[in-house]
C-alpha atoms as a PDB file:
ATOM      1  CA  UNK A   1      77.374  97.106 130.916  1.00  0.00           C
ATOM      2  CA  UNK A   2      75.937  96.920 127.412  1.00  0.00           C
ATOM      3  CA  UNK A   3      77.897  96.660 124.149  1.00  0.00           C
ATOM      4  CA  UNK A   4      76.475  98.076 120.923  1.00  0.00           C
ATOM      5  CA  UNK A   5      77.289  99.138 117.395  1.00  0.00           C
ATOM      6  CA  UNK A   6      76.581 102.857 117.086  1.00  0.00           C
ATOM      7  CA  UNK A   7      77.307 105.990 115.013  1.00  0.00           C
ATOM      8  CA  UNK A   8      80.462 108.100 115.103  1.00  0.00           C
ATOM      9  CA  UNK A   9      78.453 111.175 116.098  1.00  0.00           C
ATOM     10  CA  UNK A  10      77.350 109.480 119.326  1.00  0.00           C
ATOM     11  CA  UNK A  11      80.902 109.039 120.620  1.00  0.00           C
ATOM     12  CA  UNK A  12      82.556 111.621 122.900  1.00  0.00           C
ATOM     13  CA  UNK A  13      85.493 112.829 120.794  1.00  0.00           C
ATOM     14  CA  UNK A  14      87.753 113.288 123.819  1.00  0.00           C
ATOM     15  CA  UNK A  15      87.409 109.567 124.560  1.00  0.00           C
ATOM     16  CA  UNK A  16      88.857 108.782 121.114  1.00  0.00           C
ATOM     17  CA  UNK A  17      91.758 111.149 121.793  1.00  0.00           C
ATOM     18  CA  UNK A  18      92.716 109.036 124.823  1.00  0.00           C
ATOM     19  CA  UNK A  19      93.891 106.302 122.434  1.00  0.00           C
ATOM     20  CA  UNK A  20      95.132 108.535 119.607  1.00  0.00           C
ATOM     21  CA  UNK A  21      96.317 112.036 120.562  1.00  0.00           C
ATOM     22  CA  UNK A  22      96.059 113.370 116.997  1.00  0.00           C
ATOM     23  CA  UNK A  23      92.701 114.958 116.224  1.00  0.00           C
ATOM     24  CA  UNK A  24      93.574 114.874 112.517  1.00  0.00           C
ATOM     25  CA  UNK A  25      94.352 111.162 112.686  1.00  0.00           C
ATOM     26  CA  UNK A  26      91.099 110.348 114.519  1.00  0.00           C
ATOM     27  CA  UNK A  27      89.041 112.356 112.020  1.00  0.00           C
ATOM     28  CA  UNK A  28      90.721 110.502 109.120  1.00  0.00           C
ATOM     29  CA  UNK A  29      89.208 107.152 110.130  1.00  0.00           C
ATOM     30  CA  UNK A  30      86.219 107.988 112.303  1.00  0.00           C
ATOM     31  CA  UNK A  31      83.550 108.644 109.685  1.00  0.00           C
ATOM     32  CA  UNK A  32      84.485 105.696 107.482  1.00  0.00           C
ATOM     33  CA  UNK A  33      84.648 103.118 110.257  1.00  0.00           C
ATOM     34  CA  UNK A  34      82.308 100.901 112.189  1.00  0.00           C
ATOM     35  CA  UNK A  35      81.860 102.249 115.705  1.00  0.00           C
ATOM     36  CA  UNK A  36      81.215 100.095 118.754  1.00  0.00           C
ATOM     37  CA  UNK A  37      80.634 101.268 122.302  1.00  0.00           C
ATOM     38  CA  UNK A  38      80.495 100.092 125.877  1.00  0.00           C
ATOM     39  CA  UNK A  39      77.524 101.764 127.565  1.00  0.00           C
ATOM     40  CA  UNK A  40      76.769 102.025 131.268  1.00  0.00           C
ATOM     41  CA  UNK A  41      73.692 103.852 132.535  1.00  0.00           C
ATOM     42  CA  UNK A  42      73.157 105.376 129.052  1.00  0.00           C
ATOM     43  CA  UNK A  43      76.697 106.863 129.051  1.00  0.00           C
ATOM     44  CA  UNK A  44      79.373 105.728 126.614  1.00  0.00           C
ATOM     45  CA  UNK A  45      82.369 104.603 128.680  1.00  0.00           C
ATOM     46  CA  UNK A  46      84.300 102.756 125.977  1.00  0.00           C
ATOM     47  CA  UNK A  47      84.685 102.972 122.215  1.00  0.00           C
ATOM     48  CA  UNK A  48      86.214 100.959 119.382  1.00  0.00           C
ATOM     49  CA  UNK A  49      86.521 102.117 115.749  1.00  0.00           C
ATOM     50  CA  UNK A  50      87.145  99.536 113.020  1.00  0.00           C
ATOM     51  CA  UNK A  51      87.412  99.975 109.249  1.00  0.00           C
ATOM     52  CA  UNK A  52      86.448  97.226 106.815  1.00  0.00           C
ATOM     53  CA  UNK A  53      89.417  96.971 104.453  1.00  0.00           C
ATOM     54  CA  UNK A  54      87.921  94.180 102.319  1.00  0.00           C
ATOM     55  CA  UNK A  55      85.153  91.588 102.587  1.00  0.00           C
ATOM     56  CA  UNK A  56      87.294  89.498 104.917  1.00  0.00           C
ATOM     57  CA  UNK A  57      89.795  91.937 106.491  1.00  0.00           C
ATOM     58  CA  UNK A  58      89.318  94.764 108.989  1.00  0.00           C
ATOM     59  CA  UNK A  59      91.617  97.226 110.723  1.00  0.00           C
ATOM     60  CA  UNK A  60      91.127  98.291 114.319  1.00  0.00           C
ATOM     61  CA  UNK A  61      92.020 101.983 114.541  1.00  0.00           C
ATOM     62  CA  UNK A  62      91.008 103.026 118.037  1.00  0.00           C
ATOM     63  CA  UNK A  63      89.923 101.427 121.281  1.00  0.00           C
ATOM     64  CA  UNK A  64      89.584 103.469 124.429  1.00  0.00           C
ATOM     65  CA  UNK A  65      87.912 103.282 127.842  1.00  0.00           C
ATOM     66  CA  UNK A  66      87.213 106.239 130.111  1.00  0.00           C
ATOM     67  CA  UNK A  67      89.701 106.523 132.942  1.00  0.00           C
ATOM     68  CA  UNK A  68      87.031 105.823 135.580  1.00  0.00           C
ATOM     69  CA  UNK A  69      86.339 102.415 133.986  1.00  0.00           C
ATOM     70  CA  UNK A  70      89.872 101.298 133.142  1.00  0.00           C
ATOM     71  CA  UNK A  71      91.367  98.160 134.699  1.00  0.00           C
ATOM     72  CA  UNK A  72      87.884  96.682 135.204  1.00  0.00           C
ATOM     73  CA  UNK A  73      87.764  94.466 132.109  1.00  0.00           C
ATOM     74  CA  UNK A  74      85.633  96.882 130.064  1.00  0.00           C
ATOM     75  CA  UNK A  75      88.175  97.141 127.240  1.00  0.00           C
ATOM     76  CA  UNK A  76      88.612  93.376 127.085  1.00  0.00           C
ATOM     77  CA  UNK A  77      84.871  92.766 126.968  1.00  0.00           C
ATOM     78  CA  UNK A  78      84.443  95.491 124.356  1.00  0.00           C
ATOM     79  CA  UNK A  79      87.164  93.982 122.162  1.00  0.00           C
ATOM     80  CA  UNK A  80      85.635  90.505 122.537  1.00  0.00           C
ATOM     81  CA  UNK A  81      82.254  91.942 121.497  1.00  0.00           C
ATOM     82  CA  UNK A  82      83.799  93.707 118.487  1.00  0.00           C
ATOM     83  CA  UNK A  83      85.647  90.583 117.339  1.00  0.00           C
ATOM     84  CA  UNK A  84      82.418  88.582 117.622  1.00  0.00           C
ATOM     85  CA  UNK A  85      80.522  91.158 115.568  1.00  0.00           C
ATOM     86  CA  UNK A  86      83.261  91.189 112.939  1.00  0.00           C
ATOM     87  CA  UNK A  87      83.096  87.382 112.682  1.00  0.00           C
ATOM     88  CA  UNK A  88      79.344  87.680 112.053  1.00  0.00           C
ATOM     89  CA  UNK A  89      80.112  90.150 109.244  1.00  0.00           C
ATOM     90  CA  UNK A  90      82.422  87.581 107.594  1.00  0.00           C
ATOM     91  CA  UNK A  91      85.714  89.126 108.692  1.00  0.00           C
ATOM     92  CA  UNK A  92      88.488  86.558 108.939  1.00  0.00           C
ATOM     93  CA  UNK A  93      91.482  88.767 109.816  1.00  0.00           C
ATOM     94  CA  UNK A  94      91.804  91.838 112.024  1.00  0.00           C
ATOM     95  CA  UNK A  95      94.903  94.033 111.880  1.00  0.00           C
ATOM     96  CA  UNK A  96      96.069  97.016 113.907  1.00  0.00           C
ATOM     97  CA  UNK A  97      99.057  99.193 114.664  1.00  0.00           C
ATOM     98  CA  UNK A  98     100.363  99.920 118.151  1.00  0.00           C
ATOM     99  CA  UNK A  99     103.498 100.961 119.978  1.00  0.00           C
ATOM    100  CA  UNK A 100     106.367  98.551 120.529  1.00  0.00           C
ATOM    101  CA  UNK A 101     105.980  98.321 124.305  1.00  0.00           C
ATOM    102  CA  UNK A 102     103.587  99.041 127.137  1.00  0.00           C
ATOM    103  CA  UNK A 103     100.183  97.920 128.285  1.00  0.00           C
ATOM    104  CA  UNK A 104      98.564  98.225 124.832  1.00  0.00           C
ATOM    105  CA  UNK A 105     100.872  95.595 123.355  1.00  0.00           C
ATOM    106  CA  UNK A 106     100.239  93.177 126.230  1.00  0.00           C
ATOM    107  CA  UNK A 107      96.483  93.856 125.986  1.00  0.00           C
ATOM    108  CA  UNK A 108      96.367  92.838 122.322  1.00  0.00           C
ATOM    109  CA  UNK A 109      98.652  89.849 122.831  1.00  0.00           C
ATOM    110  CA  UNK A 110      96.371  88.542 125.589  1.00  0.00           C
ATOM    111  CA  UNK A 111      93.581  88.546 122.989  1.00  0.00           C
ATOM    112  CA  UNK A 112      95.709  86.449 120.626  1.00  0.00           C
ATOM    113  CA  UNK A 113      97.106  89.155 118.330  1.00  0.00           C
ATOM    114  CA  UNK A 114     100.533  88.417 116.845  1.00  0.00           C
ATOM    115  CA  UNK A 115     103.275  90.663 115.468  1.00  0.00           C
ATOM    116  CA  UNK A 116     103.273  90.853 111.676  1.00  0.00           C
ATOM    117  CA  UNK A 117     105.769  93.650 111.019  1.00  0.00           C
ATOM    118  CA  UNK A 118     107.440  96.790 112.353  1.00  0.00           C
ATOM    119  CA  UNK A 119     107.205 100.263 110.823  1.00  0.00           C
ATOM    120  CA  UNK A 120     110.277 102.168 111.976  1.00  0.00           C
ATOM    121  CA  UNK A 121     109.835 105.802 113.087  1.00  0.00           C
ATOM    122  CA  UNK A 122     106.076 105.737 112.402  1.00  0.00           C
ATOM    123  CA  UNK A 123     105.164 107.878 115.418  1.00  0.00           C
ATOM    124  CA  UNK A 124     108.136 110.209 114.916  1.00  0.00           C
ATOM    125  CA  UNK A 125     107.212 110.901 111.292  1.00  0.00           C
ATOM    126  CA  UNK A 126     103.404 111.061 111.602  1.00  0.00           C
ATOM    127  CA  UNK A 127     102.742 113.011 114.805  1.00  0.00           C
ATOM    128  CA  UNK A 128     103.707 116.680 115.262  1.00  0.00           C
ATOM    129  CA  UNK A 129     104.652 116.226 118.919  1.00  0.00           C
ATOM    130  CA  UNK A 130     106.592 113.400 120.513  1.00  0.00           C
ATOM    131  CA  UNK A 131     104.476 110.778 122.288  1.00  0.00           C
ATOM    132  CA  UNK A 132     105.818 109.349 125.539  1.00  0.00           C
ATOM    133  CA  UNK A 133     104.699 106.240 127.393  1.00  0.00           C
ATOM    134  CA  UNK A 134     106.251 105.349 130.713  1.00  0.00           C
ATOM    135  CA  UNK A 135     108.879 108.042 130.099  1.00  0.00           C
ATOM    136  CA  UNK A 136     110.030 106.481 126.802  1.00  0.00           C
ATOM    137  CA  UNK A 137     109.425 108.136 123.434  1.00  0.00           C
ATOM    138  CA  UNK A 138     107.195 106.072 121.180  1.00  0.00           C
ATOM    139  CA  UNK A 139     108.927 105.748 117.813  1.00  0.00           C
ATOM    140  CA  UNK A 140     108.145 102.515 115.997  1.00  0.00           C
ATOM    141  CA  UNK A 141     104.784 100.911 115.248  1.00  0.00           C
ATOM    142  CA  UNK A 142     104.147  97.205 115.529  1.00  0.00           C
ATOM    143  CA  UNK A 143     101.618  95.856 113.035  1.00  0.00           C
ATOM    144  CA  UNK A 144      99.592  93.113 114.723  1.00  0.00           C
ATOM    145  CA  UNK A 145      97.061  90.668 113.327  1.00  0.00           C
ATOM    146  CA  UNK A 146      94.521  88.141 114.549  1.00  0.00           C
ATOM    147  CA  UNK A 147      93.015  85.451 112.358  1.00  0.00           C
ATOM    148  CA  UNK A 148      89.399  84.888 113.391  1.00  0.00           C
END
Protein backbone atom coordinates (compact mmCIF):
# COMPACT_ATOMS: atom_id res chain seq x y z
CA UNK A 1 0.00 0.00 0.00
CA UNK A 2 1.29 3.43 -0.98
CA UNK A 3 0.00 6.80 0.27
CA UNK A 4 0.25 9.89 -1.92
CA UNK A 5 -0.99 13.42 -2.43
CA UNK A 6 -2.81 13.56 -5.76
CA UNK A 7 -5.33 15.56 -7.84
CA UNK A 8 -9.11 15.55 -7.45
CA UNK A 9 -9.54 14.35 -11.03
CA UNK A 10 -7.67 11.13 -10.24
CA UNK A 11 -10.14 10.04 -7.56
CA UNK A 12 -13.10 7.76 -8.36
CA UNK A 13 -16.10 9.97 -7.55
CA UNK A 14 -18.19 7.05 -6.29
CA UNK A 15 -15.56 6.42 -3.60
CA UNK A 16 -16.12 9.97 -2.28
CA UNK A 17 -19.87 9.36 -2.21
CA UNK A 18 -19.32 6.46 0.20
CA UNK A 19 -18.44 9.00 2.91
CA UNK A 20 -20.77 11.80 1.81
CA UNK A 21 -23.93 10.79 -0.07
CA UNK A 22 -24.52 14.29 -1.48
CA UNK A 23 -22.93 14.83 -4.88
CA UNK A 24 -23.48 18.58 -4.49
CA UNK A 25 -21.72 18.58 -1.12
CA UNK A 26 -18.73 16.61 -2.46
CA UNK A 27 -18.38 18.93 -5.46
CA UNK A 28 -18.44 21.97 -3.14
CA UNK A 29 -15.15 21.00 -1.46
CA UNK A 30 -13.42 18.65 -3.87
CA UNK A 31 -11.74 21.10 -6.23
CA UNK A 32 -10.54 23.45 -3.50
CA UNK A 33 -9.07 20.78 -1.25
CA UNK A 34 -5.89 18.81 -0.91
CA UNK A 35 -6.47 15.23 -2.02
CA UNK A 36 -4.65 12.23 -0.59
CA UNK A 37 -5.01 8.62 -1.65
CA UNK A 38 -4.22 5.09 -0.62
CA UNK A 39 -3.03 3.19 -3.69
CA UNK A 40 -2.68 -0.56 -4.15
CA UNK A 41 -1.49 -2.05 -7.43
CA UNK A 42 -1.99 1.35 -9.16
CA UNK A 43 -5.67 1.48 -8.05
CA UNK A 44 -6.96 4.09 -5.62
CA UNK A 45 -8.59 2.23 -2.73
CA UNK A 46 -8.85 5.09 -0.24
CA UNK A 47 -9.22 8.86 -0.39
CA UNK A 48 -9.06 11.83 1.96
CA UNK A 49 -9.97 15.44 1.04
CA UNK A 50 -8.76 18.28 3.26
CA UNK A 51 -9.18 22.04 2.87
CA UNK A 52 -6.64 24.52 4.22
CA UNK A 53 -8.73 27.04 6.16
CA UNK A 54 -5.76 29.19 7.23
CA UNK A 55 -1.98 28.87 7.49
CA UNK A 56 -2.33 26.73 10.60
CA UNK A 57 -5.84 25.20 10.40
CA UNK A 58 -7.32 22.59 8.07
CA UNK A 59 -10.69 20.89 7.75
CA UNK A 60 -11.06 17.24 6.83
CA UNK A 61 -14.10 16.93 4.57
CA UNK A 62 -14.05 13.35 3.33
CA UNK A 63 -12.25 10.11 4.07
CA UNK A 64 -13.35 6.88 2.47
CA UNK A 65 -12.00 3.40 1.76
CA UNK A 66 -13.39 0.99 -0.82
CA UNK A 67 -15.53 -1.71 0.71
CA UNK A 68 -13.08 -4.46 -0.29
CA UNK A 69 -10.34 -2.79 1.80
CA UNK A 70 -12.34 -1.72 4.85
CA UNK A 71 -11.52 -3.09 8.31
CA UNK A 72 -7.90 -3.72 7.27
CA UNK A 73 -6.34 -0.56 8.71
CA UNK A 74 -6.20 1.29 5.37
CA UNK A 75 -8.28 4.23 6.62
CA UNK A 76 -6.21 4.54 9.78
CA UNK A 77 -2.94 4.48 7.87
CA UNK A 78 -4.30 6.97 5.34
CA UNK A 79 -5.40 9.35 8.10
CA UNK A 80 -2.01 9.02 9.83
CA UNK A 81 -0.30 9.84 6.51
CA UNK A 82 -2.56 12.86 5.95
CA UNK A 83 -1.98 14.21 9.46
CA UNK A 84 1.78 13.83 8.97
CA UNK A 85 1.64 15.69 5.66
CA UNK A 86 -0.45 18.45 7.21
CA UNK A 87 2.11 18.84 10.02
CA UNK A 88 4.82 19.26 7.37
CA UNK A 89 2.71 22.02 5.79
CA UNK A 90 2.59 23.87 9.14
CA UNK A 91 -0.95 22.89 10.10
CA UNK A 92 -1.45 22.88 13.86
CA UNK A 93 -5.18 22.08 14.11
CA UNK A 94 -7.42 19.79 12.09
CA UNK A 95 -11.21 20.02 12.36
CA UNK A 96 -14.04 17.95 10.93
CA UNK A 97 -17.75 17.27 11.20
CA UNK A 98 -19.28 13.83 11.68
CA UNK A 99 -22.39 12.14 12.98
CA UNK A 100 -23.07 11.82 16.69
CA UNK A 101 -22.69 8.04 16.85
CA UNK A 102 -21.36 5.06 14.94
CA UNK A 103 -18.04 3.78 13.71
CA UNK A 104 -16.93 7.13 12.24
CA UNK A 105 -17.00 8.82 15.64
CA UNK A 106 -15.03 6.00 17.28
CA UNK A 107 -12.56 6.03 14.35
CA UNK A 108 -11.76 9.71 14.84
CA UNK A 109 -11.62 9.43 18.62
CA UNK A 110 -9.08 6.60 18.35
CA UNK A 111 -6.89 9.05 16.41
CA UNK A 112 -7.15 11.60 19.24
CA UNK A 113 -9.91 13.87 17.90
CA UNK A 114 -12.05 15.55 20.56
CA UNK A 115 -15.57 16.99 20.49
CA UNK A 116 -15.62 20.77 20.12
CA UNK A 117 -19.32 21.45 19.51
CA UNK A 118 -22.63 20.10 18.24
CA UNK A 119 -24.64 21.49 15.32
CA UNK A 120 -28.24 20.43 15.88
CA UNK A 121 -30.23 19.17 12.87
CA UNK A 122 -27.29 19.66 10.49
CA UNK A 123 -28.00 16.53 8.44
CA UNK A 124 -31.77 17.10 8.50
CA UNK A 125 -31.43 20.65 7.17
CA UNK A 126 -28.61 20.14 4.64
CA UNK A 127 -29.40 16.83 2.91
CA UNK A 128 -32.49 16.30 0.73
CA UNK A 129 -32.99 12.71 1.90
CA UNK A 130 -32.71 11.32 5.40
CA UNK A 131 -29.44 9.54 6.18
CA UNK A 132 -29.62 6.41 8.33
CA UNK A 133 -26.81 4.61 10.13
CA UNK A 134 -27.49 1.41 12.00
CA UNK A 135 -31.22 2.06 11.56
CA UNK A 136 -31.06 5.47 13.29
CA UNK A 137 -31.59 8.74 11.43
CA UNK A 138 -28.51 10.95 11.47
CA UNK A 139 -29.58 14.41 12.61
CA UNK A 140 -26.89 16.30 14.50
CA UNK A 141 -23.26 16.93 13.55
CA UNK A 142 -20.42 16.74 16.01
CA UNK A 143 -17.56 19.15 15.30
CA UNK A 144 -14.28 17.45 16.22
CA UNK A 145 -10.75 18.80 16.41
CA UNK A 146 -7.21 17.54 16.81
CA UNK A 147 -4.29 19.74 17.79
CA UNK A 148 -1.17 18.54 15.99
